[in-house]
C-alpha atoms as a PDB file:
ATOM      1  CA  UNK A   1       4.057 -18.618  -5.510  1.00  0.00           C
ATOM      2  CA  UNK A   2       0.653 -17.273  -6.491  1.00  0.00           C
ATOM      3  CA  UNK A   3       0.308 -13.685  -7.690  1.00  0.00           C
ATOM      4  CA  UNK A   4      -2.781 -11.495  -7.809  1.00  0.00           C
ATOM      5  CA  UNK A   5      -3.614  -8.137  -9.348  1.00  0.00           C
ATOM      6  CA  UNK A   6      -4.722  -5.489  -6.859  1.00  0.00           C
ATOM      7  CA  UNK A   7      -5.665  -1.821  -7.128  1.00  0.00           C
ATOM      8  CA  UNK A   8      -3.428   0.461  -5.088  1.00  0.00           C
ATOM      9  CA  UNK A   9      -4.999   3.776  -4.107  1.00  0.00           C
ATOM     10  CA  UNK A  10      -2.834   6.725  -3.096  1.00  0.00           C
ATOM     11  CA  UNK A  11      -4.193   9.548  -0.951  1.00  0.00           C
ATOM     12  CA  UNK A  12      -2.927  13.062  -0.127  1.00  0.00           C
ATOM     13  CA  UNK A  13       0.887  13.221   0.163  1.00  0.00           C
ATOM     14  CA  UNK A  14       1.308   9.624  -1.055  1.00  0.00           C
ATOM     15  CA  UNK A  15      -0.493  10.560  -4.280  1.00  0.00           C
ATOM     16  CA  UNK A  16       1.873  13.500  -4.798  1.00  0.00           C
ATOM     17  CA  UNK A  17       4.944  11.350  -4.232  1.00  0.00           C
ATOM     18  CA  UNK A  18       3.731   8.443  -6.375  1.00  0.00           C
ATOM     19  CA  UNK A  19       2.552  10.750  -9.151  1.00  0.00           C
ATOM     20  CA  UNK A  20      -0.748   8.882  -9.413  1.00  0.00           C
ATOM     21  CA  UNK A  21      -3.924   8.333  -7.452  1.00  0.00           C
ATOM     22  CA  UNK A  22      -4.544   4.731  -8.505  1.00  0.00           C
ATOM     23  CA  UNK A  23      -2.799   1.881 -10.289  1.00  0.00           C
ATOM     24  CA  UNK A  24      -2.857  -1.878 -10.741  1.00  0.00           C
ATOM     25  CA  UNK A  25      -0.010  -3.903  -9.265  1.00  0.00           C
ATOM     26  CA  UNK A  26       0.697  -7.614  -9.450  1.00  0.00           C
ATOM     27  CA  UNK A  27       1.792  -8.852  -6.040  1.00  0.00           C
ATOM     28  CA  UNK A  28       2.206 -12.145  -4.182  1.00  0.00           C
ATOM     29  CA  UNK A  29      -1.102 -13.376  -2.791  1.00  0.00           C
ATOM     30  CA  UNK A  30       0.467 -13.780   0.655  1.00  0.00           C
ATOM     31  CA  UNK A  31       3.128 -11.510   2.129  1.00  0.00           C
ATOM     32  CA  UNK A  32       3.786  -9.476   5.240  1.00  0.00           C
ATOM     33  CA  UNK A  33       2.495  -5.932   5.474  1.00  0.00           C
ATOM     34  CA  UNK A  34       6.105  -4.701   5.414  1.00  0.00           C
ATOM     35  CA  UNK A  35       6.790  -6.699   2.227  1.00  0.00           C
ATOM     36  CA  UNK A  36       3.650  -5.164   0.726  1.00  0.00           C
ATOM     37  CA  UNK A  37       4.921  -1.680   1.586  1.00  0.00           C
ATOM     38  CA  UNK A  38       8.378  -2.465   0.132  1.00  0.00           C
ATOM     39  CA  UNK A  39       6.768  -3.658  -3.133  1.00  0.00           C
ATOM     40  CA  UNK A  40       4.929  -0.346  -3.395  1.00  0.00           C
ATOM     41  CA  UNK A  41       8.063   1.665  -2.540  1.00  0.00           C
ATOM     42  CA  UNK A  42      10.059  -0.295  -5.131  1.00  0.00           C
ATOM     43  CA  UNK A  43       7.684   1.086  -7.758  1.00  0.00           C
ATOM     44  CA  UNK A  44       7.638   4.598  -6.236  1.00  0.00           C
ATOM     45  CA  UNK A  45      10.887   5.167  -4.263  1.00  0.00           C
ATOM     46  CA  UNK A  46       9.859   8.681  -3.207  1.00  0.00           C
ATOM     47  CA  UNK A  47       7.232   7.134  -0.905  1.00  0.00           C
ATOM     48  CA  UNK A  48      10.002   5.909   1.388  1.00  0.00           C
ATOM     49  CA  UNK A  49      10.202   9.438   2.841  1.00  0.00           C
ATOM     50  CA  UNK A  50       6.777   9.029   4.502  1.00  0.00           C
ATOM     51  CA  UNK A  51       7.107   5.399   5.659  1.00  0.00           C
ATOM     52  CA  UNK A  52       6.983   6.328   9.349  1.00  0.00           C
ATOM     53  CA  UNK A  53       3.742   8.255   8.834  1.00  0.00           C
ATOM     54  CA  UNK A  54       1.609   6.055   6.572  1.00  0.00           C
ATOM     55  CA  UNK A  55      -0.976   3.415   7.263  1.00  0.00           C
ATOM     56  CA  UNK A  56      -1.947   0.715   4.784  1.00  0.00           C
ATOM     57  CA  UNK A  57      -5.503  -0.489   4.406  1.00  0.00           C
ATOM     58  CA  UNK A  58      -6.440  -3.707   2.624  1.00  0.00           C
ATOM     59  CA  UNK A  59     -10.103  -3.882   1.675  1.00  0.00           C
ATOM     60  CA  UNK A  60     -10.742  -0.946   4.061  1.00  0.00           C
ATOM     61  CA  UNK A  61      -9.116  -2.723   7.025  1.00  0.00           C
ATOM     62  CA  UNK A  62      -6.085  -0.963   8.492  1.00  0.00           C
ATOM     63  CA  UNK A  63      -2.879  -2.973   8.536  1.00  0.00           C
ATOM     64  CA  UNK A  64       0.083  -2.057  10.709  1.00  0.00           C
ATOM     65  CA  UNK A  65       3.470  -2.169   8.966  1.00  0.00           C
ATOM     66  CA  UNK A  66       5.406  -5.153  10.244  1.00  0.00           C
ATOM     67  CA  UNK A  67       5.339  -8.929  10.156  1.00  0.00           C
ATOM     68  CA  UNK A  68       1.539  -9.255  10.002  1.00  0.00           C
ATOM     69  CA  UNK A  69       0.666 -11.619   7.153  1.00  0.00           C
ATOM     70  CA  UNK A  70      -1.623 -10.138   4.522  1.00  0.00           C
ATOM     71  CA  UNK A  71      -3.615 -12.394   2.197  1.00  0.00           C
ATOM     72  CA  UNK A  72      -4.525 -10.620  -1.023  1.00  0.00           C
ATOM     73  CA  UNK A  73      -7.152 -11.716  -3.519  1.00  0.00           C
ATOM     74  CA  UNK A  74      -7.473 -10.707  -7.141  1.00  0.00           C
ATOM     75  CA  UNK A  75      -9.241  -7.346  -7.292  1.00  0.00           C
ATOM     76  CA  UNK A  76      -8.533  -6.269  -3.701  1.00  0.00           C
ATOM     77  CA  UNK A  77      -7.953  -2.602  -2.932  1.00  0.00           C
ATOM     78  CA  UNK A  78      -4.845  -1.536  -1.060  1.00  0.00           C
ATOM     79  CA  UNK A  79      -4.850   2.066   0.167  1.00  0.00           C
ATOM     80  CA  UNK A  80      -1.783   4.092   1.138  1.00  0.00           C
ATOM     81  CA  UNK A  81      -3.066   6.564   3.708  1.00  0.00           C
ATOM     82  CA  UNK A  82      -0.772   9.273   5.073  1.00  0.00           C
ATOM     83  CA  UNK A  83      -1.725  11.073   8.273  1.00  0.00           C
ATOM     84  CA  UNK A  84      -4.650  13.405   7.809  1.00  0.00           C
ATOM     85  CA  UNK A  85      -4.930  16.652   9.663  1.00  0.00           C
ATOM     86  CA  UNK A  86      -8.153  18.294  10.557  1.00  0.00           C
ATOM     87  CA  UNK A  87     -10.455  19.045  13.366  1.00  0.00           C
END
């Protein structure tokens, strides 16, 4: 299995729960979006409380949590985006 280093960005509530706004994680180069989320939650278990509300974005492309295969490259950005309110 090939692994890559990606930058995970945390926004709003996810940043509070993770205790950071940005970090490097080493992850499999190919995994499902749900496996990607579980890898992030394994590092920051408090994020599990917002799983039903978040959206992931890989290289600024939204990814629905589920069985969708995500191909990561070294240096990619993965964003954890909770729902934003506003008008």
